């Protein structure tokens, strides 16, 4: 996206050093870049695998960064005025107990209680609800026609682990 400054796709922070070296060795990276360190440049440290053994909050934030932050960031095309980049502190994401600018899901019966994210309550959290549905409310809105079961399970686990907002 224009706001991300890149196309949708993987970035250096998502890949291990071995994967980055493999891309360099195969010539898939700008020939002026000759080392993994140069390829990483000033980017953040590698993201934790979302389905690994790291703490659930780190895995969830990694998943949101990879799958959502291309649009959901300052100046991005994603609606809702949220910032899902991994480097954004959780309290600054505008997720926790925040009134949604858009995106309430009218057919789940909890309209007034919905917030972007309700600690301990995935069923009232628009973040989870929109990932766990198809049709006009689904997230992501394009490029998929199935609910990502592992991703929604991770979001539910993370939301359930939260007891309060920062």
C-alpha atoms as a PDB file:
ATOM      1  CA  UNK A   1       0.000   0.000   0.000  1.00  0.00           C
ATOM      2  CA  UNK A   2       1.095   3.600  -0.353  1.00  0.00           C
ATOM      3  CA  UNK A   3       1.135   4.029   3.440  1.00  0.00           C
ATOM      4  CA  UNK A   4       3.322   0.944   3.934  1.00  0.00           C
ATOM      5  CA  UNK A   5       5.633   1.983   1.121  1.00  0.00           C
ATOM      6  CA  UNK A   6       5.629  -1.567  -0.252  1.00  0.00           C
ATOM      7  CA  UNK A   7       3.387  -4.032  -1.974  1.00  0.00           C
ATOM      8  CA  UNK A   8       1.512  -6.579   0.118  1.00  0.00           C
ATOM      9  CA  UNK A   9       3.884  -9.440   0.753  1.00  0.00           C
ATOM     10  CA  UNK A  10       6.539 -10.624   3.129  1.00  0.00           C
ATOM     11  CA  UNK A  11       9.168  -8.320   4.563  1.00  0.00           C
ATOM     12  CA  UNK A  12      12.611  -8.953   6.000  1.00  0.00           C
ATOM     13  CA  UNK A  13      11.311  -8.996   9.594  1.00  0.00           C
ATOM     14  CA  UNK A  14       9.167 -12.041   8.782  1.00  0.00           C
ATOM     15  CA  UNK A  15      12.016 -14.194   7.541  1.00  0.00           C
ATOM     16  CA  UNK A  16      14.832 -16.007   9.307  1.00  0.00           C
ATOM     17  CA  UNK A  17      18.422 -15.147   8.502  1.00  0.00           C
ATOM     18  CA  UNK A  18      18.709 -18.478   6.643  1.00  0.00           C
ATOM     19  CA  UNK A  19      15.682 -17.653   4.469  1.00  0.00           C
ATOM     20  CA  UNK A  20      17.054 -14.197   3.721  1.00  0.00           C
ATOM     21  CA  UNK A  21      20.448 -15.661   2.834  1.00  0.00           C
ATOM     22  CA  UNK A  22      18.723 -18.109   0.500  1.00  0.00           C
ATOM     23  CA  UNK A  23      16.976 -15.251  -1.312  1.00  0.00           C
ATOM     24  CA  UNK A  24      20.290 -13.429  -1.623  1.00  0.00           C
ATOM     25  CA  UNK A  25      22.039 -16.565  -2.922  1.00  0.00           C
ATOM     26  CA  UNK A  26      19.309 -17.130  -5.526  1.00  0.00           C
ATOM     27  CA  UNK A  27      19.562 -13.546  -6.746  1.00  0.00           C
ATOM     28  CA  UNK A  28      15.993 -12.619  -5.789  1.00  0.00           C
ATOM     29  CA  UNK A  29      17.129  -9.495  -3.974  1.00  0.00           C
ATOM     30  CA  UNK A  30      18.556  -6.257  -5.344  1.00  0.00           C
ATOM     31  CA  UNK A  31      22.120  -7.111  -6.405  1.00  0.00           C
ATOM     32  CA  UNK A  32      23.453  -4.085  -4.516  1.00  0.00           C
ATOM     33  CA  UNK A  33      22.478  -5.826  -1.254  1.00  0.00           C
ATOM     34  CA  UNK A  34      25.082  -8.440  -0.416  1.00  0.00           C
ATOM     35  CA  UNK A  35      24.501  -9.380   3.231  1.00  0.00           C
ATOM     36  CA  UNK A  36      21.574 -10.343   5.430  1.00  0.00           C
ATOM     37  CA  UNK A  37      22.439  -7.423   7.717  1.00  0.00           C
ATOM     38  CA  UNK A  38      22.159  -4.988   4.822  1.00  0.00           C
ATOM     39  CA  UNK A  39      18.882  -6.590   3.754  1.00  0.00           C
ATOM     40  CA  UNK A  40      17.464  -6.189   7.246  1.00  0.00           C
ATOM     41  CA  UNK A  41      18.785  -2.639   7.264  1.00  0.00           C
ATOM     42  CA  UNK A  42      17.075  -0.621   9.942  1.00  0.00           C
ATOM     43  CA  UNK A  43      14.022  -2.876  10.064  1.00  0.00           C
ATOM     44  CA  UNK A  44      12.842  -4.251  13.378  1.00  0.00           C
ATOM     45  CA  UNK A  45      14.123  -7.502  14.753  1.00  0.00           C
ATOM     46  CA  UNK A  46      12.599 -10.606  13.201  1.00  0.00           C
ATOM     47  CA  UNK A  47       8.965 -11.165  14.141  1.00  0.00           C
ATOM     48  CA  UNK A  48       8.156 -14.231  16.213  1.00  0.00           C
ATOM     49  CA  UNK A  49       6.366 -17.029  14.352  1.00  0.00           C
ATOM     50  CA  UNK A  50       2.645 -16.629  15.044  1.00  0.00           C
ATOM     51  CA  UNK A  51       2.190 -20.348  15.601  1.00  0.00           C
ATOM     52  CA  UNK A  52       5.361 -21.004  17.602  1.00  0.00           C
ATOM     53  CA  UNK A  53       6.118 -21.163  21.312  1.00  0.00           C
ATOM     54  CA  UNK A  54       6.497 -17.426  22.059  1.00  0.00           C
ATOM     55  CA  UNK A  55       4.051 -15.696  24.436  1.00  0.00           C
ATOM     56  CA  UNK A  56       0.571 -15.369  22.923  1.00  0.00           C
ATOM     57  CA  UNK A  57       0.672 -11.549  22.867  1.00  0.00           C
ATOM     58  CA  UNK A  58       3.855 -11.561  20.774  1.00  0.00           C
ATOM     59  CA  UNK A  59       2.449 -14.183  18.411  1.00  0.00           C
ATOM     60  CA  UNK A  60      -0.844 -12.315  18.009  1.00  0.00           C
ATOM     61  CA  UNK A  61       0.865  -8.981  17.340  1.00  0.00           C
ATOM     62  CA  UNK A  62       3.149 -10.694  14.813  1.00  0.00           C
ATOM     63  CA  UNK A  63       0.126 -12.204  13.047  1.00  0.00           C
ATOM     64  CA  UNK A  64      -1.643  -8.827  12.923  1.00  0.00           C
ATOM     65  CA  UNK A  65       1.482  -7.136  11.597  1.00  0.00           C
ATOM     66  CA  UNK A  66       1.921  -9.675   8.816  1.00  0.00           C
ATOM     67  CA  UNK A  67      -1.729  -9.973   7.799  1.00  0.00           C
ATOM     68  CA  UNK A  68      -3.297  -6.621   8.627  1.00  0.00           C
ATOM     69  CA  UNK A  69      -0.819  -3.780   9.056  1.00  0.00           C
ATOM     70  CA  UNK A  70      -0.290  -3.194   5.352  1.00  0.00           C
ATOM     71  CA  UNK A  71      -3.681  -1.451   5.426  1.00  0.00           C
ATOM     72  CA  UNK A  72      -4.298  -0.825   9.130  1.00  0.00           C
ATOM     73  CA  UNK A  73      -1.665   1.823   9.895  1.00  0.00           C
ATOM     74  CA  UNK A  74      -1.527   5.622   9.893  1.00  0.00           C
ATOM     75  CA  UNK A  75      -2.423   6.861   6.427  1.00  0.00           C
ATOM     76  CA  UNK A  76      -3.358   3.362   5.270  1.00  0.00           C
ATOM     77  CA  UNK A  77      -6.450   2.426   3.315  1.00  0.00           C
ATOM     78  CA  UNK A  78      -7.875   0.289   6.133  1.00  0.00           C
ATOM     79  CA  UNK A  79     -10.849   1.841   7.832  1.00  0.00           C
ATOM     80  CA  UNK A  80     -11.309   1.894  11.560  1.00  0.00           C
ATOM     81  CA  UNK A  81      -8.386   4.154  12.500  1.00  0.00           C
ATOM     82  CA  UNK A  82      -6.336   1.354  14.058  1.00  0.00           C
ATOM     83  CA  UNK A  83      -2.596   0.730  13.835  1.00  0.00           C
ATOM     84  CA  UNK A  84      -1.658  -2.949  13.729  1.00  0.00           C
ATOM     85  CA  UNK A  85       2.073  -2.628  13.087  1.00  0.00           C
ATOM     86  CA  UNK A  86       4.171  -4.745  15.458  1.00  0.00           C
ATOM     87  CA  UNK A  87       6.272  -1.769  16.538  1.00  0.00           C
ATOM     88  CA  UNK A  88       3.211   0.186  17.708  1.00  0.00           C
ATOM     89  CA  UNK A  89       2.778  -0.210  21.490  1.00  0.00           C
ATOM     90  CA  UNK A  90      -0.461  -2.065  22.248  1.00  0.00           C
ATOM     91  CA  UNK A  91      -1.902   0.935  24.077  1.00  0.00           C
ATOM     92  CA  UNK A  92      -1.411   3.064  20.946  1.00  0.00           C
ATOM     93  CA  UNK A  93      -3.084   0.674  18.485  1.00  0.00           C
ATOM     94  CA  UNK A  94      -6.552   2.091  19.181  1.00  0.00           C
ATOM     95  CA  UNK A  95      -7.812  -1.459  19.652  1.00  0.00           C
ATOM     96  CA  UNK A  96      -8.478  -2.036  23.331  1.00  0.00           C
ATOM     97  CA  UNK A  97     -12.023  -1.063  24.375  1.00  0.00           C
ATOM     98  CA  UNK A  98     -12.088   1.449  21.508  1.00  0.00           C
ATOM     99  CA  UNK A  99     -15.367   2.328  19.862  1.00  0.00           C
ATOM    100  CA  UNK A 100     -15.229   1.188  16.260  1.00  0.00           C
ATOM    101  CA  UNK A 101     -15.260   3.878  13.618  1.00  0.00           C
ATOM    102  CA  UNK A 102     -16.694   1.274  11.286  1.00  0.00           C
ATOM    103  CA  UNK A 103     -17.060  -2.452  11.093  1.00  0.00           C
ATOM    104  CA  UNK A 104     -19.686  -3.443  13.640  1.00  0.00           C
ATOM    105  CA  UNK A 105     -21.177  -6.769  12.705  1.00  0.00           C
ATOM    106  CA  UNK A 106     -24.916  -6.370  12.933  1.00  0.00           C
ATOM    107  CA  UNK A 107     -25.923 -10.010  12.733  1.00  0.00           C
ATOM    108  CA  UNK A 108     -24.186 -11.412  15.823  1.00  0.00           C
ATOM    109  CA  UNK A 109     -26.605  -9.853  18.337  1.00  0.00           C
ATOM    110  CA  UNK A 110     -24.126  -7.808  20.370  1.00  0.00           C
ATOM    111  CA  UNK A 111     -24.180  -4.487  18.506  1.00  0.00           C
ATOM    112  CA  UNK A 112     -23.951  -2.046  21.432  1.00  0.00           C
ATOM    113  CA  UNK A 113     -21.302  -4.032  23.289  1.00  0.00           C
ATOM    114  CA  UNK A 114     -18.930  -4.380  20.343  1.00  0.00           C
ATOM    115  CA  UNK A 115     -15.556  -2.682  20.561  1.00  0.00           C
ATOM    116  CA  UNK A 116     -12.457  -3.117  18.443  1.00  0.00           C
ATOM    117  CA  UNK A 117     -11.143  -5.446  21.163  1.00  0.00           C
ATOM    118  CA  UNK A 118     -12.780  -6.291  24.497  1.00  0.00           C
ATOM    119  CA  UNK A 119     -10.303  -7.902  26.942  1.00  0.00           C
ATOM    120  CA  UNK A 120     -11.346 -11.462  27.715  1.00  0.00           C
ATOM    121  CA  UNK A 121     -14.243 -11.368  25.231  1.00  0.00           C
ATOM    122  CA  UNK A 122     -13.565 -12.433  21.635  1.00  0.00           C
ATOM    123  CA  UNK A 123     -17.316 -12.595  20.965  1.00  0.00           C
ATOM    124  CA  UNK A 124     -17.602  -8.825  21.503  1.00  0.00           C
ATOM    125  CA  UNK A 125     -14.317  -7.965  19.766  1.00  0.00           C
ATOM    126  CA  UNK A 126     -14.676  -6.716  16.208  1.00  0.00           C
ATOM    127  CA  UNK A 127     -11.084  -7.726  15.485  1.00  0.00           C
ATOM    128  CA  UNK A 128     -12.019 -11.361  16.126  1.00  0.00           C
ATOM    129  CA  UNK A 129     -15.563 -11.240  14.743  1.00  0.00           C
ATOM    130  CA  UNK A 130     -14.506  -9.843  11.365  1.00  0.00           C
ATOM    131  CA  UNK A 131     -11.713 -12.404  10.994  1.00  0.00           C
ATOM    132  CA  UNK A 132     -14.153 -15.182  11.876  1.00  0.00           C
ATOM    133  CA  UNK A 133     -16.805 -14.448   9.249  1.00  0.00           C
ATOM    134  CA  UNK A 134     -17.261 -14.407   5.503  1.00  0.00           C
ATOM    135  CA  UNK A 135     -19.312 -12.131   3.285  1.00  0.00           C
ATOM    136  CA  UNK A 136     -19.340  -8.353   3.469  1.00  0.00           C
ATOM    137  CA  UNK A 137     -17.911  -8.205   7.000  1.00  0.00           C
ATOM    138  CA  UNK A 138     -14.886 -10.464   6.523  1.00  0.00           C
ATOM    139  CA  UNK A 139     -11.305  -9.446   7.112  1.00  0.00           C
ATOM    140  CA  UNK A 140      -9.291  -9.455   5.069  1.00  0.00           C
ATOM    141  CA  UNK A 141     -11.839  -8.143   2.594  1.00  0.00           C
ATOM    142  CA  UNK A 142     -10.174  -9.659  -0.471  1.00  0.00           C
ATOM    143  CA  UNK A 143      -7.898 -12.468  -1.446  1.00  0.00           C
ATOM    144  CA  UNK A 144      -9.630 -15.101   0.639  1.00  0.00           C
ATOM    145  CA  UNK A 145     -12.855 -17.052   0.720  1.00  0.00           C
ATOM    146  CA  UNK A 146     -12.199 -19.094   3.858  1.00  0.00           C
ATOM    147  CA  UNK A 147     -11.842 -18.206   7.520  1.00  0.00           C
ATOM    148  CA  UNK A 148      -8.266 -18.797   8.692  1.00  0.00           C
ATOM    149  CA  UNK A 149      -9.039 -21.156  11.580  1.00  0.00           C
ATOM    150  CA  UNK A 150      -5.540 -21.011  13.086  1.00  0.00           C
ATOM    151  CA  UNK A 151      -5.474 -17.211  12.885  1.00  0.00           C
ATOM    152  CA  UNK A 152      -8.866 -16.777  14.506  1.00  0.00           C
ATOM    153  CA  UNK A 153      -7.952 -19.296  17.216  1.00  0.00           C
ATOM    154  CA  UNK A 154      -4.793 -17.290  17.932  1.00  0.00           C
ATOM    155  CA  UNK A 155      -6.792 -14.046  18.167  1.00  0.00           C
ATOM    156  CA  UNK A 156      -9.317 -15.696  20.501  1.00  0.00           C
ATOM    157  CA  UNK A 157      -6.515 -17.051  22.716  1.00  0.00           C
ATOM    158  CA  UNK A 158      -4.867 -13.616  22.886  1.00  0.00           C
ATOM    159  CA  UNK A 159      -8.078 -11.710  23.591  1.00  0.00           C
ATOM    160  CA  UNK A 160      -9.049 -14.246  26.271  1.00  0.00           C
ATOM    161  CA  UNK A 161      -5.632 -13.783  27.903  1.00  0.00           C
ATOM    162  CA  UNK A 162      -6.190 -10.038  28.330  1.00  0.00           C
ATOM    163  CA  UNK A 163      -7.771  -8.880  31.579  1.00  0.00           C
ATOM    164  CA  UNK A 164      -7.619  -5.124  30.995  1.00  0.00           C
ATOM    165  CA  UNK A 165      -6.428  -2.468  28.598  1.00  0.00           C
ATOM    166  CA  UNK A 166      -3.024  -0.847  29.052  1.00  0.00           C
END
